[in-house]
Amino acid sequence: MSKSEVKPFAKPDEVREFPLGRLELVKIGGATVGRATFQPGWRWATSVQPLAKTKSCEAPHFQYHVSGVLRVRMDDGTEFDCRAGDVSLLPSGHDAWVVGDVPAVVVDFQGMIDYAKAH
């Protein structure tokens, strides 16, 4: 790292929108960080799977949960909730959906480079 950098999500380098969701990408220090907002009713299988064209989400995620509740079901059947204040590490092979009436907002430090891109 040769210099300090600050970049706001208010001015992202790229924005991707998909049914009931929005992804803002910031490129900084050679990395890409994504902030995703998933509205109530959002589910990966119905909102992003048609773009990804994979059985389940293949993007690994390392994320901080800012708000809302995101329920995750791994391909092996393991299911758990991620809540505001949680940090989660999700390997490839999962589905996820918003629980309740509050949008789920996550900041992802690993898996958003190709997320919600048509393949």
Protein backbone atom coordinates (compact mmCIF):
# COMPACT_ATOMS: atom_id res chain seq x y z
CA MET A 1 0.00 0.00 0.00
CA SER A 2 1.57 3.24 -1.11
CA LYS A 3 -1.03 5.82 -0.08
CA SER A 4 -4.11 6.22 2.03
CA GLU A 5 -7.54 6.21 0.40
CA VAL A 6 -11.09 7.02 1.46
CA LYS A 7 -14.07 6.31 -0.78
CA PRO A 8 -17.74 6.75 0.14
CA PHE A 9 -20.46 4.26 -0.73
CA ALA A 10 -22.50 7.39 -1.57
CA LYS A 11 -20.38 7.60 -4.76
CA PRO A 12 -19.79 3.94 -5.72
CA ASP A 13 -17.64 2.91 -8.67
CA GLU A 14 -20.40 0.59 -9.88
CA VAL A 15 -24.05 -0.09 -9.06
CA ARG A 16 -25.96 -3.28 -9.89
CA GLU A 17 -29.69 -3.53 -9.37
CA PHE A 18 -31.73 -6.71 -9.34
CA PRO A 19 -35.24 -7.59 -8.14
CA LEU A 20 -35.65 -6.29 -4.56
CA GLY A 21 -31.94 -5.55 -4.26
CA ARG A 22 -29.09 -3.20 -5.00
CA LEU A 23 -25.32 -3.64 -4.89
CA GLU A 24 -22.89 -0.73 -4.65
CA LEU A 25 -19.23 -1.50 -5.35
CA VAL A 26 -16.24 0.55 -4.22
CA LYS A 27 -12.77 -0.23 -5.51
CA ILE A 28 -10.09 0.73 -3.03
CA GLY A 29 -6.52 -0.39 -2.37
CA GLY A 30 -6.70 -3.06 -5.05
CA ALA A 31 -9.81 -4.61 -3.46
CA THR A 32 -13.50 -4.42 -4.26
CA VAL A 33 -15.91 -3.94 -1.35
CA GLY A 34 -19.64 -4.26 -1.87
CA ARG A 35 -22.61 -2.94 0.07
CA ALA A 36 -25.77 -4.87 -0.71
CA THR A 37 -29.26 -3.84 0.30
CA PHE A 38 -31.88 -6.58 0.18
CA GLN A 39 -35.50 -5.48 0.57
CA PRO A 40 -38.14 -7.51 2.44
CA GLY A 41 -39.19 -10.36 0.15
CA TRP A 42 -35.73 -10.66 -1.44
CA ARG A 43 -34.37 -14.18 -1.90
CA TRP A 44 -31.24 -15.18 -3.80
CA ALA A 45 -33.05 -18.06 -5.54
CA THR A 46 -35.63 -15.75 -7.11
CA SER A 47 -33.77 -12.42 -7.40
CA VAL A 48 -30.21 -13.35 -8.37
CA GLN A 49 -30.28 -16.99 -9.50
CA PRO A 50 -31.81 -16.07 -12.87
CA LEU A 51 -28.74 -13.86 -13.48
CA ALA A 52 -26.16 -16.27 -12.04
CA LYS A 53 -27.64 -19.38 -13.68
CA THR A 54 -26.24 -21.62 -10.94
CA LYS A 55 -28.07 -24.00 -8.59
CA SER A 56 -27.09 -21.95 -5.54
CA CYS A 57 -24.91 -18.92 -4.81
CA GLU A 58 -21.32 -19.81 -5.68
CA ALA A 59 -19.83 -16.55 -4.43
CA PRO A 60 -18.00 -16.96 -1.11
CA HIS A 61 -18.80 -14.10 1.26
CA PHE A 62 -17.00 -12.46 4.18
CA GLN A 63 -19.45 -9.85 5.38
CA TYR A 64 -20.53 -7.51 8.11
CA HIS A 65 -24.29 -7.27 8.68
CA VAL A 66 -25.38 -3.65 9.10
CA SER A 67 -29.15 -4.10 9.48
CA GLY A 68 -32.00 -6.56 9.14
CA VAL A 69 -31.98 -10.34 9.30
CA LEU A 70 -30.64 -12.55 6.54
CA ARG A 71 -31.43 -16.27 6.78
CA VAL A 72 -28.88 -18.51 5.08
CA ARG A 73 -29.32 -22.13 4.03
CA MET A 74 -26.17 -23.93 2.98
CA ASP A 75 -26.38 -26.64 0.31
CA ASP A 76 -25.80 -29.24 3.06
CA GLY A 77 -29.04 -28.11 4.77
CA THR A 78 -27.43 -26.08 7.57
CA GLU A 79 -29.56 -22.99 8.23
CA PHE A 80 -28.88 -19.93 10.39
CA ASP A 81 -29.71 -16.23 10.74
CA CYS A 82 -27.28 -13.35 10.36
CA ARG A 83 -28.31 -10.21 12.25
CA ALA A 84 -27.13 -6.62 12.51
CA GLY A 85 -23.70 -6.58 14.17
CA ASP A 86 -22.78 -10.10 13.00
CA VAL A 87 -19.80 -11.00 10.83
CA SER A 88 -20.33 -14.03 8.60
CA LEU A 89 -18.10 -16.21 6.46
CA LEU A 90 -20.07 -18.14 3.86
CA PRO A 91 -18.42 -20.60 1.48
CA SER A 92 -19.84 -21.29 -1.97
CA GLY A 93 -23.12 -23.17 -2.09
CA HIS A 94 -25.95 -21.36 -0.31
CA ASP A 95 -29.28 -19.59 -0.64
CA ALA A 96 -30.32 -16.59 1.48
CA TRP A 97 -33.40 -14.48 2.07
CA VAL A 98 -34.60 -11.52 4.11
CA VAL A 99 -36.59 -12.33 7.27
CA GLY A 100 -39.04 -9.69 8.47
CA ASP A 101 -39.92 -6.19 7.31
CA VAL A 102 -36.52 -4.50 7.64
CA PRO A 103 -34.11 -4.42 4.68
CA ALA A 104 -30.97 -6.50 5.19
CA VAL A 105 -27.82 -4.48 4.51
CA VAL A 106 -24.43 -6.18 4.34
CA VAL A 107 -20.92 -4.97 3.60
CA ASP A 108 -19.02 -7.74 1.84
CA PHE A 109 -15.23 -7.79 1.68
CA GLN A 110 -14.85 -10.85 -0.54
CA GLY A 111 -17.65 -12.11 -2.76
CA MET A 112 -19.19 -9.24 -4.70
CA ILE A 113 -16.91 -8.80 -7.73
CA ASP A 114 -19.18 -10.91 -9.98
CA TYR A 115 -22.31 -10.89 -7.80
CA ALA A 116 -25.59 -10.21 -9.63
CA LYS A 117 -23.84 -10.04 -13.00
CA ALA A 118 -25.52 -11.75 -15.94
CA HIS A 119 -23.61 -14.87 -17.04
